[in-house]
């Protein structure tokens, strides 16, 4: 980011920087199958034999002059006839043979494969370039753009371009033989499209005139800039308007008490240079938004920092991951923190501005706002205001964000005791519910997957917890769905069952929502908000995967709340019976 800031300041000293975003321009790799004429020399024995035959020297004399076995000379003799340099039937050198003697070379027709790259925006054809693969683009969370020129479109590839690239390739290869292009036989896609990393920079003059300039490192790319309006008109989106609008609706407060000073230089909290400064402690606040997506390159550099230099504390803020990739990378950081005590991870549902603090004394904060663009489809981009600060005091907006460490099973024996009790009381309540409503809880009194439930471990990972919640959900929720369907009640669990047994409904629904969330199921807005209510109650507003022992806490709460709800529900049913 620093090199881009410096390039803009140099090229446009009177402009302020509104936004700098990295994008991937599609690059199509292709294989060009060519026919070339290659200037070659024949093997040395054939060459001497040919020249001596041209002097009308006999084979026997050739053997004597060259001191070579007669059989080898005879083979060379017949090979010269085969290649068309000597006519055995007429016993004389052919025109092709004489041309070779005078030029010491002959033309051979050969197939040659040339690897080229076609720029998906400009159509520029070059020798194959090194670009970022789609897989690596996902790793570094690079936003890739759709091409203006489809990978199957060959109209931009001209014969003159292929000849120029061929000449350059042969010159750099260092070989003596050089082929002349005769024909292009075939052009085919060589591999999946890759991406060239460039920066789109929105800048504004003192008079309010806006420009979008594009840089490939410190080199301005006017050829890309010329295609911007065409790309916009065709509907290629650079900026996520909806995401920015959602961000703008949030009320975000700074949690850092400090003297702020706005700067025209855009700072990026994920700039790798921050992890290479002479500091010992770094504090990151990272909101759940695409604009602040972490990537594997940053994680790798951070790992070097905590291994060799200092400590890092990361606080994620927000109530919903922006995408699955962000969620997986956050999980990688949690795993890293378990292996290295120099890294600590925290979380708060309260959204905060992105910020970084160096050695608990100074840093900067990013504050986003929408900036209107004069384009048809890309109407807004994020204006990333950077505020520097010093004399830091950090507020805790969550009051006490800690979770009671006693809310978990000490060992598998304590867990097994509660699971045995849970199985027992579920079966007891099943018959009482049927007597009370005419509809049982279980199907024929059987708990589906009972043995799997009893073999549950104390959960210490997301996968273990997801398996636990899934097995429990099949046992206590899916049977209710089946009863509702069989009795013509489409929304039985959320309506009739909830009305009759509110405590039990709440306990079952808690597990159902945790199960859906951690099995990577997309929750509706309504269910996501209900899930967040449980997170606030159970873990004081921290996602279980983002703090040590989080899944143990939630497992304990799910089971104990079920036991409590079953007890209350049974007492209520029995009180109705007495009445």
Protein backbone atom coordinates (compact mmCIF):
# COMPACT_ATOMS: atom_id res chain seq x y z
CA UNK A 1 0.00 0.00 0.00
CA UNK A 2 2.88 2.39 0.75
CA UNK A 3 4.28 2.21 -2.78
CA UNK A 4 0.83 3.00 -4.21
CA UNK A 5 0.36 5.99 -1.89
CA UNK A 6 3.76 7.33 -2.90
CA UNK A 7 3.09 6.83 -6.63
CA UNK A 8 -0.22 8.72 -6.43
CA UNK A 9 1.33 11.59 -4.47
CA UNK A 10 4.09 11.83 -7.09
CA UNK A 11 1.77 11.66 -10.12
CA UNK A 12 -1.13 13.67 -8.62
CA UNK A 13 0.27 15.94 -5.87
CA UNK A 14 -2.90 18.08 -5.66
CA UNK A 15 -5.34 15.19 -5.35
CA UNK A 16 -6.59 13.52 -2.19
CA UNK A 17 -6.92 9.74 -2.06
CA UNK A 18 -10.47 8.44 -1.64
CA UNK A 19 -9.97 4.70 -2.00
CA UNK A 20 -7.30 2.17 -2.92
CA UNK A 21 -8.57 -1.35 -3.68
CA UNK A 22 -6.74 -4.35 -5.11
CA UNK A 23 -8.38 -6.34 -7.90
CA UNK A 24 -7.47 -9.29 -10.10
CA UNK A 25 -7.59 -8.69 -13.88
CA UNK A 26 -8.24 -11.99 -15.74
CA UNK A 27 -5.33 -13.37 -17.77
CA UNK A 28 -6.07 -16.15 -20.28
CA UNK A 29 -3.20 -18.57 -20.96
CA UNK A 30 -3.10 -20.22 -24.37
CA UNK A 31 -1.06 -22.72 -26.35
CA UNK A 32 -0.27 -21.82 -29.95
CA UNK A 33 0.68 -24.80 -32.14
CA UNK A 34 2.87 -23.46 -34.98
CA UNK A 35 4.59 -24.84 -38.07
CA UNK A 36 8.14 -23.52 -38.38
CA UNK A 37 10.92 -23.92 -40.88
CA UNK A 38 14.07 -24.66 -38.92
CA UNK A 39 17.58 -24.16 -40.35
CA UNK A 40 19.49 -27.31 -39.40
CA UNK A 41 22.79 -29.08 -40.06
CA UNK A 42 22.92 -32.78 -40.81
CA UNK A 43 25.09 -35.08 -38.63
CA UNK A 44 28.82 -34.53 -39.18
CA UNK A 45 29.43 -37.97 -40.76
CA UNK A 46 26.68 -37.37 -43.32
CA UNK A 47 28.04 -33.90 -44.01
CA UNK A 48 31.60 -35.13 -44.78
CA UNK A 49 30.31 -38.06 -46.80
CA UNK A 50 28.11 -35.71 -48.87
CA UNK A 51 30.97 -33.30 -49.60
CA UNK A 52 33.31 -36.13 -50.62
CA UNK A 53 30.64 -37.70 -52.85
CA UNK A 54 30.25 -34.28 -54.46
CA UNK A 55 33.98 -34.52 -55.33
CA UNK A 56 33.17 -37.91 -57.00
CA UNK A 57 35.23 -39.88 -54.47
CA UNK A 58 34.21 -43.54 -54.14
CA UNK A 59 32.82 -45.08 -50.93
CA UNK A 60 35.96 -47.17 -50.44
CA UNK A 61 38.17 -44.08 -50.67
CA UNK A 62 35.86 -42.20 -48.30
CA UNK A 63 36.28 -45.00 -45.73
CA UNK A 64 40.05 -44.77 -46.14
CA UNK A 65 40.17 -40.94 -45.99
CA UNK A 66 37.94 -40.71 -42.91
CA UNK A 67 39.36 -43.88 -41.30
CA UNK A 68 35.81 -45.01 -40.55
CA UNK A 69 34.25 -48.46 -40.79
CA UNK A 70 32.74 -49.20 -44.23
CA UNK A 71 29.35 -50.16 -42.73
CA UNK A 72 29.00 -46.71 -41.17
CA UNK A 73 29.86 -45.00 -44.43
CA UNK A 74 27.32 -47.14 -46.27
CA UNK A 75 24.64 -46.21 -43.73
CA UNK A 76 25.47 -42.51 -44.23
CA UNK A 77 25.28 -43.08 -48.00
CA UNK A 78 21.74 -44.48 -47.81
CA UNK A 79 20.67 -41.81 -45.27
CA UNK A 80 21.74 -39.07 -47.71
CA UNK A 81 19.53 -40.69 -50.34
CA UNK A 82 16.64 -40.88 -47.86
CA UNK A 83 16.92 -37.17 -46.94
CA UNK A 84 17.10 -36.19 -50.62
CA UNK A 85 20.69 -34.94 -50.63
CA UNK A 86 22.09 -37.69 -52.90
CA UNK A 87 20.48 -39.71 -55.68
CA UNK A 88 21.84 -43.29 -55.53
CA UNK A 89 20.16 -44.33 -58.80
CA UNK A 90 21.88 -41.51 -60.72
CA UNK A 91 24.95 -41.54 -58.47
CA UNK A 92 25.10 -37.81 -58.04
CA UNK A 93 24.38 -35.05 -55.49
CA UNK A 94 20.90 -33.50 -55.79
CA UNK A 95 20.13 -29.77 -56.02
CA UNK A 96 19.11 -29.87 -52.31
CA UNK A 97 22.44 -31.52 -51.50
CA UNK A 98 24.40 -28.87 -53.39
CA UNK A 99 22.50 -26.08 -51.61
CA UNK A 100 23.39 -27.66 -48.28
CA UNK A 101 27.10 -27.87 -49.26
CA UNK A 102 27.19 -24.13 -50.08
CA UNK A 103 25.08 -22.94 -47.06
CA UNK A 104 25.92 -25.66 -44.48
CA UNK A 105 22.24 -25.85 -43.52
CA UNK A 106 18.87 -27.10 -44.73
CA UNK A 107 15.24 -26.19 -43.97
CA UNK A 108 13.17 -28.61 -41.89
CA UNK A 109 9.44 -28.24 -41.19
CA UNK A 110 8.64 -28.76 -37.49
CA UNK A 111 5.77 -28.28 -35.06
CA UNK A 112 6.43 -25.85 -32.24
CA UNK A 113 4.33 -25.03 -29.16
CA UNK A 114 4.33 -21.40 -28.01
CA UNK A 115 2.78 -20.39 -24.67
CA UNK A 116 1.13 -16.97 -24.66
CA UNK A 117 -1.11 -14.88 -22.37
CA UNK A 118 -4.08 -12.72 -23.37
CA UNK A 119 -5.18 -9.90 -21.08
CA UNK A 120 -8.91 -10.31 -20.34
CA UNK A 121 -9.40 -6.53 -20.17
CA UNK A 122 -7.26 -5.06 -22.96
CA UNK A 123 -6.78 -8.09 -25.22
CA UNK A 124 -3.01 -7.53 -25.17
CA UNK A 125 -1.13 -10.62 -26.33
CA UNK A 126 2.23 -11.36 -24.70
CA UNK A 127 4.47 -14.31 -23.97
CA UNK A 128 3.17 -16.30 -21.01
CA UNK A 129 3.30 -14.23 -17.83
CA UNK A 130 3.34 -15.27 -14.19
CA UNK A 131 -0.03 -14.46 -12.61
CA UNK A 132 -2.05 -15.38 -9.53
CA UNK A 133 -3.99 -18.64 -9.79
CA UNK A 134 -7.65 -18.77 -8.85
CA UNK A 135 -6.75 -20.92 -5.84
CA UNK A 136 -4.18 -18.43 -4.57
CA UNK A 137 -6.55 -15.54 -5.28
CA UNK A 138 -8.98 -17.13 -2.83
CA UNK A 139 -6.21 -17.62 -0.28
CA UNK A 140 -5.30 -13.93 -0.29
CA UNK A 141 -8.97 -12.89 -0.69
CA UNK A 142 -8.25 -11.09 -3.94
CA UNK A 143 -11.40 -9.67 -5.54
CA UNK A 144 -11.33 -10.99 -9.10
CA UNK A 145 -13.12 -9.22 -11.95
CA UNK A 146 -15.02 -10.70 -14.86
CA UNK A 147 -13.23 -10.43 -18.23
CA UNK A 148 -14.17 -8.00 -20.98
CA UNK A 149 -12.75 -10.50 -23.46
CA UNK A 150 -13.92 -14.09 -23.09
CA UNK A 151 -11.19 -16.72 -22.86
CA UNK A 152 -12.54 -18.44 -26.00
CA UNK A 153 -12.36 -15.22 -28.01
CA UNK A 154 -9.37 -15.44 -30.38
CA UNK A 155 -10.07 -12.24 -32.32
CA UNK A 156 -7.34 -10.23 -30.55
CA UNK A 157 -4.60 -12.71 -31.51
CA UNK A 158 -2.83 -11.65 -34.72
CA UNK A 159 -0.20 -13.55 -36.70
CA UNK A 160 2.21 -10.61 -36.45
CA UNK A 161 1.97 -10.75 -32.62
CA UNK A 162 2.70 -14.48 -32.59
CA UNK A 163 5.72 -13.95 -34.88
CA UNK A 164 7.05 -11.20 -32.60
CA UNK A 165 6.64 -13.34 -29.45
CA UNK A 166 8.19 -16.33 -31.26
CA UNK A 167 11.24 -14.29 -32.27
CA UNK A 168 11.67 -12.97 -28.72
CA UNK A 169 11.31 -16.46 -27.21
CA UNK A 170 13.90 -17.97 -29.58
CA UNK A 171 16.33 -15.12 -29.01
CA UNK A 172 16.17 -15.59 -25.24
CA UNK A 173 16.48 -19.37 -25.52
CA UNK A 174 20.12 -19.00 -26.65
CA UNK A 175 19.94 -21.70 -29.36
CA UNK A 176 21.69 -21.31 -32.71
CA UNK A 177 18.78 -22.60 -34.75
CA UNK A 178 15.97 -20.17 -35.41
CA UNK A 179 12.63 -21.12 -36.87
CA UNK A 180 10.54 -19.04 -39.26
CA UNK A 181 6.77 -19.08 -38.75
CA UNK A 182 5.02 -20.79 -41.65
CA UNK A 183 1.53 -21.36 -40.26
CA UNK A 184 -0.52 -21.24 -37.04
CA UNK A 185 -2.07 -24.70 -36.84
CA UNK A 186 -4.16 -24.33 -33.68
CA UNK A 187 -4.77 -22.05 -30.66
CA UNK A 188 -6.17 -23.64 -27.53
CA UNK A 189 -6.70 -22.77 -23.85
CA UNK A 190 -3.63 -23.89 -21.94
CA UNK A 191 -4.96 -23.72 -18.37
CA UNK A 192 -7.56 -21.99 -16.21
CA UNK A 193 -7.52 -18.20 -16.30
CA UNK A 194 -5.30 -16.52 -13.74
CA UNK A 195 -5.23 -12.97 -12.42
CA UNK A 196 -2.94 -9.94 -12.58
CA UNK A 197 -2.98 -7.98 -9.33
CA UNK A 198 -3.52 -4.24 -9.80
CA UNK A 199 -4.76 -1.37 -7.63
CA UNK A 200 -7.77 0.78 -8.55
CA UNK A 201 -7.28 4.21 -6.96
CA UNK A 202 -10.09 6.74 -6.67
CA UNK A 203 -8.71 10.27 -6.26
CA UNK A 204 -10.26 13.74 -6.11
CA UNK A 205 -8.83 17.16 -6.97
CA UNK A 206 -9.23 20.30 -4.88
CA UNK A 207 -11.98 21.38 -7.30
CA UNK A 208 -13.86 18.12 -6.72
CA UNK A 209 -12.91 16.42 -9.99
CA UNK A 210 -12.65 12.67 -9.56
CA UNK A 211 -10.44 10.19 -11.37
CA UNK A 212 -9.86 6.45 -11.20
CA UNK A 213 -6.23 5.62 -11.87
CA UNK A 214 -4.84 2.09 -12.00
CA UNK A 215 -1.40 0.98 -10.87
CA UNK A 216 0.54 -2.21 -11.39
CA UNK A 217 2.87 -1.70 -8.41
CA UNK A 218 4.30 1.77 -9.11
CA UNK A 219 3.53 1.68 -12.85
CA UNK A 220 0.41 3.49 -13.97
CA UNK A 221 -1.68 1.44 -16.40
CA UNK A 222 -3.43 3.84 -18.76
CA UNK A 223 -4.48 0.91 -20.98
CA UNK A 224 -6.62 -0.44 -18.12
CA UNK A 225 -8.00 3.01 -17.32
CA UNK A 226 -9.20 3.34 -20.93
CA UNK A 227 -11.30 0.18 -20.46
CA UNK A 228 -12.95 1.27 -17.18
CA UNK A 229 -16.07 2.85 -18.68
CA UNK A 230 -16.53 -0.10 -21.06
CA UNK A 231 -16.24 -2.53 -18.13
CA UNK A 232 -18.71 -0.49 -16.08
CA UNK A 233 -21.19 -0.24 -18.98
CA UNK A 234 -21.03 -4.03 -19.43
CA UNK A 235 -22.00 -4.49 -15.76
CA UNK A 236 -18.65 -5.57 -14.30
CA UNK A 237 -18.77 -4.58 -10.63
CA UNK A 238 -15.69 -3.37 -8.78
CA UNK A 239 -17.31 -2.27 -5.54
CA UNK A 240 -20.01 -3.95 -3.44
CA UNK A 241 -22.69 -1.27 -3.04
CA UNK A 242 -24.95 -3.39 -0.84
CA UNK A 243 -22.15 -4.24 1.58
CA UNK A 244 -21.21 -0.58 1.85
CA UNK A 245 -24.83 0.46 2.42
CA UNK A 246 -25.16 -2.11 5.22
CA UNK A 247 -21.97 -0.78 6.81
CA UNK A 248 -23.22 2.81 6.56
CA UNK A 249 -26.42 1.98 8.45
CA UNK A 250 -24.51 0.77 11.50
CA UNK A 251 -23.83 3.00 14.48
CA UNK A 252 -20.13 2.51 15.11
CA UNK A 253 -18.34 4.04 18.05
CA UNK A 254 -14.63 4.30 18.61
CA UNK A 255 -13.38 2.24 21.54
CA UNK A 256 -10.07 4.08 21.72
CA UNK A 257 -9.75 7.22 23.85
CA UNK A 258 -7.09 9.23 22.07
CA UNK A 259 -6.43 12.43 20.18
CA UNK A 260 -7.35 11.71 16.56
CA UNK A 261 -5.83 13.41 13.55
CA UNK A 262 -7.20 12.80 10.05
CA UNK A 263 -4.58 12.10 7.39
CA UNK A 264 -4.71 12.09 3.58
CA UNK A 265 -2.58 8.94 3.47
CA UNK A 266 -4.69 5.77 3.37
CA UNK A 267 -3.36 3.18 5.78
CA UNK A 268 -4.21 -0.51 5.54
CA UNK A 269 -4.33 -2.50 8.77
CA UNK A 270 -3.26 -5.59 6.80
CA UNK A 271 -0.14 -3.96 5.36
CA UNK A 272 2.61 -6.56 5.93
CA UNK A 273 5.06 -3.80 6.85
CA UNK A 274 3.23 -3.32 10.17
CA UNK A 275 4.43 -6.79 11.15
CA UNK A 276 8.01 -5.86 10.28
CA UNK A 277 8.30 -2.71 12.39
CA UNK A 278 10.40 -2.53 15.52
CA UNK A 279 7.46 -3.06 17.87
CA UNK A 280 6.73 -5.76 20.45
CA UNK A 281 2.94 -5.60 20.80
CA UNK A 282 0.24 -5.21 18.14
CA UNK A 283 -3.50 -4.86 18.81
CA UNK A 284 -5.85 -5.34 15.87
CA UNK A 285 -9.57 -4.60 15.75
CA UNK A 286 -11.05 -6.27 12.66
CA UNK A 287 -14.74 -5.77 11.79
CA UNK A 288 -16.72 -8.45 9.98
CA UNK A 289 -16.79 -6.73 6.58
CA UNK A 290 -15.42 -7.67 3.16
CA UNK A 291 -13.41 -4.45 3.07
CA UNK A 292 -11.24 -5.82 5.87
CA UNK A 293 -10.87 -9.44 4.79
CA UNK A 294 -7.86 -11.29 6.16
CA UNK A 295 -5.71 -13.41 3.86
CA UNK A 296 -3.19 -16.25 4.15
CA UNK A 297 -0.21 -14.10 3.24
CA UNK A 298 -0.95 -11.82 6.19
CA UNK A 299 -1.52 -14.79 8.51
CA UNK A 300 1.83 -16.30 7.51
CA UNK A 301 3.66 -13.02 8.21
CA UNK A 302 1.81 -12.66 11.51
CA UNK A 303 2.92 -16.17 12.47
CA UNK A 304 6.57 -15.15 11.89
CA UNK A 305 6.03 -12.08 14.10
CA UNK A 306 4.59 -13.99 17.08
CA UNK A 307 7.23 -16.71 16.69
CA UNK A 308 10.27 -14.45 16.60
CA UNK A 309 9.36 -10.91 17.68
CA UNK A 310 6.37 -10.11 19.86
CA UNK A 311 2.71 -10.45 20.84
CA UNK A 312 -0.49 -9.86 18.89
CA UNK A 313 -4.06 -9.49 20.10
CA UNK A 314 -6.85 -9.66 17.53
CA UNK A 315 -10.38 -8.60 18.31
CA UNK A 316 -13.02 -9.47 15.72
CA UNK A 317 -16.16 -7.34 15.89
CA UNK A 318 -19.62 -7.81 14.39
CA UNK A 319 -22.44 -10.33 14.40
CA UNK A 320 -21.97 -12.06 11.02
CA UNK A 321 -18.99 -13.24 9.02
CA UNK A 322 -18.90 -11.53 5.60
CA UNK A 323 -18.17 -14.81 3.80
CA UNK A 324 -17.12 -18.42 4.36
CA UNK A 325 -13.48 -17.72 3.48
CA UNK A 326 -13.25 -15.07 6.23
CA UNK A 327 -14.79 -17.54 8.68
CA UNK A 328 -12.29 -20.29 7.79
CA UNK A 329 -9.29 -17.95 8.06
CA UNK A 330 -10.49 -16.70 11.45
CA UNK A 331 -10.60 -20.36 12.52
CA UNK A 332 -6.99 -20.74 11.31
CA UNK A 333 -6.00 -17.85 13.59
CA UNK A 334 -7.75 -19.49 16.53
CA UNK A 335 -5.82 -22.72 15.87
CA UNK A 336 -2.61 -20.69 15.71
CA UNK A 337 -3.40 -19.05 19.06
CA UNK A 338 -3.74 -22.47 20.68
CA UNK A 339 -0.18 -23.32 19.60
CA UNK A 340 1.43 -19.97 20.43
CA UNK A 341 0.56 -17.95 23.55
CA UNK A 342 1.88 -14.79 21.86
CA UNK A 343 -1.38 -14.65 19.89
CA UNK A 344 -4.75 -14.07 21.57
CA UNK A 345 -8.15 -13.91 19.86
CA UNK A 346 -11.23 -12.11 21.14
CA UNK A 347 -14.65 -11.27 19.77
CA UNK A 348 -17.48 -8.84 20.35
CA UNK A 349 -20.88 -8.58 18.67
CA UNK A 350 -20.52 -4.77 18.90
CA UNK A 351 -19.09 -3.56 15.59
CA UNK A 352 -16.02 -1.34 15.82
CA UNK A 353 -13.90 0.60 13.34
CA UNK A 354 -10.88 -1.23 11.97
CA UNK A 355 -7.76 -0.19 13.86
CA UNK A 356 -4.24 -1.16 14.82
CA UNK A 357 -2.28 -0.09 17.91
CA UNK A 358 1.50 -0.31 18.15
CA UNK A 359 3.07 -1.01 21.56
CA UNK A 360 -0.09 0.23 23.32
CA UNK A 361 0.86 3.83 22.52
CA UNK A 362 -0.02 4.93 18.96
CA UNK A 363 -1.78 3.69 15.82
CA UNK A 364 -4.54 4.49 13.36
CA UNK A 365 -8.23 3.83 12.77
CA UNK A 366 -10.11 3.38 9.49
CA UNK A 367 -13.62 4.79 9.12
CA UNK A 368 -15.58 3.97 6.00
CA UNK A 369 -18.22 6.07 4.27
CA UNK A 370 -19.82 5.89 0.79
CA UNK A 371 -18.30 8.02 -1.97
CA UNK A 372 -20.38 8.68 -5.09
CA UNK A 373 -18.81 7.72 -8.43
CA UNK A 374 -19.78 9.07 -11.86
CA UNK A 375 -20.33 5.61 -13.31
CA UNK A 376 -23.43 3.71 -14.44
CA UNK A 377 -23.19 0.52 -12.36
CA UNK A 378 -20.34 1.22 -9.94
CA UNK A 379 -22.09 4.16 -8.33
CA UNK A 380 -20.26 4.17 -5.00
CA UNK A 381 -16.93 3.10 -3.54
CA UNK A 382 -15.76 3.06 0.08
CA UNK A 383 -14.06 6.26 1.25
CA UNK A 384 -11.52 4.93 3.71
CA UNK A 385 -10.81 7.79 6.09
CA UNK A 386 -7.66 7.21 8.15
CA UNK A 387 -7.23 8.77 11.58
CA UNK A 388 -3.92 8.58 13.40
CA UNK A 389 -3.82 8.71 17.19
CA UNK A 390 -1.48 8.58 20.18
CA UNK A 391 -1.77 8.41 24.01
CA UNK A 392 -4.04 5.40 23.80
CA UNK A 393 -6.71 4.32 26.28
CA UNK A 394 -8.93 1.43 25.20
CA UNK A 395 -12.54 1.29 26.38
CA UNK A 396 -14.39 -1.98 26.92
CA UNK A 397 -17.80 -1.52 25.34
CA UNK A 398 -18.83 -5.02 26.37
CA UNK A 399 -18.48 -4.33 30.09
CA UNK A 400 -17.39 -7.81 31.14
CA UNK A 401 -16.77 -9.89 28.04
CA UNK A 402 -15.53 -12.90 29.99
CA UNK A 403 -17.42 -16.19 30.21
CA UNK A 404 -17.77 -18.16 33.43
CA UNK A 405 -15.03 -20.80 33.15
CA UNK A 406 -17.08 -23.15 35.34
CA UNK A 407 -19.69 -23.56 32.62
CA UNK A 408 -18.22 -26.73 31.13
CA UNK A 409 -17.84 -30.40 31.88
CA UNK A 410 -14.73 -31.25 33.86
CA UNK A 411 -14.33 -34.61 32.12
CA UNK A 412 -16.15 -37.26 30.09
CA UNK A 413 -17.58 -38.86 33.24
CA UNK A 414 -19.44 -35.69 34.26
CA UNK A 415 -20.74 -35.38 30.71
CA UNK A 416 -21.84 -39.03 30.56
CA UNK A 417 -23.74 -38.63 33.84
CA UNK A 418 -25.81 -35.76 32.45
CA UNK A 419 -26.36 -37.52 29.11
CA UNK A 420 -27.70 -40.62 30.87
CA UNK A 421 -30.05 -38.44 32.87
CA UNK A 422 -31.09 -36.58 29.71
CA UNK A 423 -31.96 -39.81 27.87
CA UNK A 424 -33.98 -41.01 30.86
CA UNK A 425 -36.02 -37.82 31.38
CA UNK A 426 -36.72 -37.43 27.63
CA UNK A 427 -38.34 -40.87 27.59
CA UNK A 428 -40.34 -40.09 30.70
CA UNK A 429 -41.57 -36.75 29.34
CA UNK A 430 -42.46 -38.33 25.99
CA UNK A 431 -45.43 -40.22 27.43
CA UNK A 432 -46.52 -37.23 29.51
CA UNK A 433 -46.56 -34.97 26.44
CA UNK A 434 -48.62 -37.54 24.52
CA UNK A 435 -51.13 -37.82 27.37
CA UNK A 436 -51.36 -34.03 27.54
CA UNK A 437 -51.67 -33.15 23.82
CA UNK A 438 -52.37 -36.43 22.04
CA UNK A 439 -49.10 -36.06 20.13
CA UNK A 440 -45.92 -37.69 21.51
CA UNK A 441 -42.43 -36.16 21.52
CA UNK A 442 -40.57 -39.23 20.24
CA UNK A 443 -41.49 -41.72 17.51
CA UNK A 444 -42.69 -44.94 19.19
CA UNK A 445 -40.79 -43.99 22.34
CA UNK A 446 -37.40 -44.38 20.63
CA UNK A 447 -34.63 -41.78 20.81
CA UNK A 448 -33.00 -41.71 17.39
CA UNK A 449 -29.21 -42.11 17.65
CA UNK A 450 -29.26 -42.77 21.40
CA UNK A 451 -25.92 -44.61 21.38
CA UNK A 452 -24.23 -41.79 19.43
CA UNK A 453 -25.50 -39.27 21.97
CA UNK A 454 -24.23 -41.33 24.90
CA UNK A 455 -20.81 -41.63 23.25
CA UNK A 456 -20.48 -37.87 22.87
CA UNK A 457 -17.12 -36.38 23.90
CA UNK A 458 -16.47 -33.12 25.66
CA UNK A 459 -16.31 -30.90 22.59
CA UNK A 460 -13.10 -28.98 22.00
CA UNK A 461 -13.43 -28.21 18.28
CA UNK A 462 -16.02 -26.97 15.82
CA UNK A 463 -16.30 -30.37 14.12
CA UNK A 464 -16.86 -32.20 17.41
CA UNK A 465 -19.48 -29.67 18.45
CA UNK A 466 -21.26 -29.84 15.08
CA UNK A 467 -21.48 -33.65 15.37
CA UNK A 468 -22.83 -33.40 18.93
CA UNK A 469 -25.47 -30.79 17.97
CA UNK A 470 -26.46 -32.75 14.86
CA UNK A 471 -27.02 -36.02 16.75
CA UNK A 472 -29.00 -34.25 19.45
CA UNK A 473 -31.06 -32.37 16.88
CA UNK A 474 -32.08 -35.63 15.17
CA UNK A 475 -33.18 -37.02 18.52
CA UNK A 476 -35.16 -34.10 19.98
CA UNK A 477 -36.27 -31.90 17.04
CA UNK A 478 -36.68 -33.87 13.82
CA UNK A 479 -39.23 -36.19 15.43
CA UNK A 480 -41.39 -33.13 16.21
CA UNK A 481 -41.23 -32.04 12.58
CA UNK A 482 -42.41 -35.53 11.57
CA UNK A 483 -45.36 -35.42 14.01
CA UNK A 484 -46.40 -32.00 12.72
CA UNK A 485 -46.32 -33.22 9.11
CA UNK A 486 -48.32 -36.37 9.93
CA UNK A 487 -50.97 -34.34 11.77
CA UNK A 488 -51.37 -31.67 9.10
CA UNK A 489 -49.61 -28.91 11.09
CA UNK A 490 -47.03 -27.31 8.80
CA UNK A 491 -45.33 -25.24 11.49
CA UNK A 492 -46.04 -27.44 14.52
CA UNK A 493 -42.75 -26.87 16.38
CA UNK A 494 -42.78 -23.08 16.07
CA UNK A 495 -46.49 -22.67 16.73
CA UNK A 496 -48.42 -25.34 18.65
CA UNK A 497 -45.44 -26.90 20.43
CA UNK A 498 -43.98 -23.49 21.33
CA UNK A 499 -47.32 -22.36 22.75
CA UNK A 500 -47.82 -25.53 24.84
CA UNK A 501 -44.21 -25.93 26.04
CA UNK A 502 -42.32 -22.60 25.83
CA UNK A 503 -39.40 -23.61 28.07
CA UNK A 504 -38.79 -26.87 26.20
CA UNK A 505 -39.21 -25.12 22.84
CA UNK A 506 -36.53 -22.62 23.78
CA UNK A 507 -34.08 -25.34 24.88
CA UNK A 508 -34.61 -27.43 21.72
CA UNK A 509 -34.44 -24.38 19.47
CA UNK A 510 -31.13 -23.33 21.03
CA UNK A 511 -29.52 -26.60 19.92
CA UNK A 512 -31.28 -26.49 16.54
CA UNK A 513 -29.87 -23.04 15.70
CA UNK A 514 -26.35 -23.86 16.92
CA UNK A 515 -26.47 -27.02 14.84
CA UNK A 516 -27.62 -25.20 11.69
CA UNK A 517 -25.05 -22.44 12.12
CA UNK A 518 -22.07 -24.76 12.61
CA UNK A 519 -23.10 -27.13 9.86
CA UNK A 520 -22.55 -24.23 7.42
CA UNK A 521 -26.24 -23.75 6.77
CA UNK A 522 -27.40 -20.29 5.73
CA UNK A 523 -29.71 -18.93 8.40
CA UNK A 524 -32.55 -16.62 7.51
CA UNK A 525 -32.28 -13.12 8.99
CA UNK A 526 -34.89 -14.08 11.58
CA UNK A 527 -33.08 -17.25 12.64
CA UNK A 528 -29.69 -15.50 12.60
CA UNK A 529 -31.04 -12.89 15.00
CA UNK A 530 -32.41 -15.65 17.24
CA UNK A 531 -29.00 -17.36 17.11
CA UNK A 532 -27.35 -14.10 18.18
CA UNK A 533 -29.69 -13.86 21.16
CA UNK A 534 -28.45 -17.26 22.34
CA UNK A 535 -24.82 -16.14 21.78
CA UNK A 536 -25.47 -13.10 23.98
CA UNK A 537 -27.02 -15.26 26.69
CA UNK A 538 -24.61 -18.19 26.54
CA UNK A 539 -21.19 -16.66 25.84
CA UNK A 540 -21.70 -12.98 26.61
CA UNK A 541 -21.73 -12.05 22.94
CA UNK A 542 -18.70 -14.02 21.75
CA UNK A 543 -18.80 -16.63 19.01
CA UNK A 544 -17.74 -19.96 20.61
CA UNK A 545 -15.01 -20.58 18.01
CA UNK A 546 -13.33 -17.27 18.84
CA UNK A 547 -12.36 -17.91 22.43
CA UNK A 548 -10.67 -20.75 24.29
CA UNK A 549 -13.13 -23.44 25.46
CA UNK A 550 -16.10 -21.79 23.74
CA UNK A 551 -17.62 -25.01 22.41
CA UNK A 552 -17.29 -26.69 25.81
CA UNK A 553 -19.29 -23.84 27.33
CA UNK A 554 -22.07 -24.05 24.73
CA UNK A 555 -22.27 -27.85 24.98
CA UNK A 556 -22.67 -27.60 28.74
CA UNK A 557 -25.37 -24.92 28.43
CA UNK A 558 -27.35 -26.85 25.78
CA UNK A 559 -27.49 -30.00 27.93
CA UNK A 560 -28.17 -28.30 31.28
CA UNK A 561 -30.82 -26.02 29.76
CA UNK A 562 -32.52 -29.08 28.22
CA UNK A 563 -32.53 -30.84 31.62
CA UNK A 564 -33.91 -27.72 33.27
CA UNK A 565 -36.60 -27.26 30.59
CA UNK A 566 -37.67 -30.91 30.75
CA UNK A 567 -38.04 -30.66 34.53
CA UNK A 568 -40.14 -27.47 34.29
CA UNK A 569 -42.27 -28.88 31.46
CA UNK A 570 -42.96 -32.11 33.36
CA UNK A 571 -43.97 -30.17 36.47
CA UNK A 572 -46.32 -27.98 34.43
CA UNK A 573 -47.97 -30.99 32.74
CA UNK A 574 -48.41 -32.71 36.09
CA UNK A 575 -49.89 -29.58 37.63
CA UNK A 576 -52.48 -29.46 34.81
CA UNK A 577 -53.33 -33.12 35.46
CA UNK A 578 -53.92 -32.48 39.16
CA UNK A 579 -56.03 -29.45 38.37
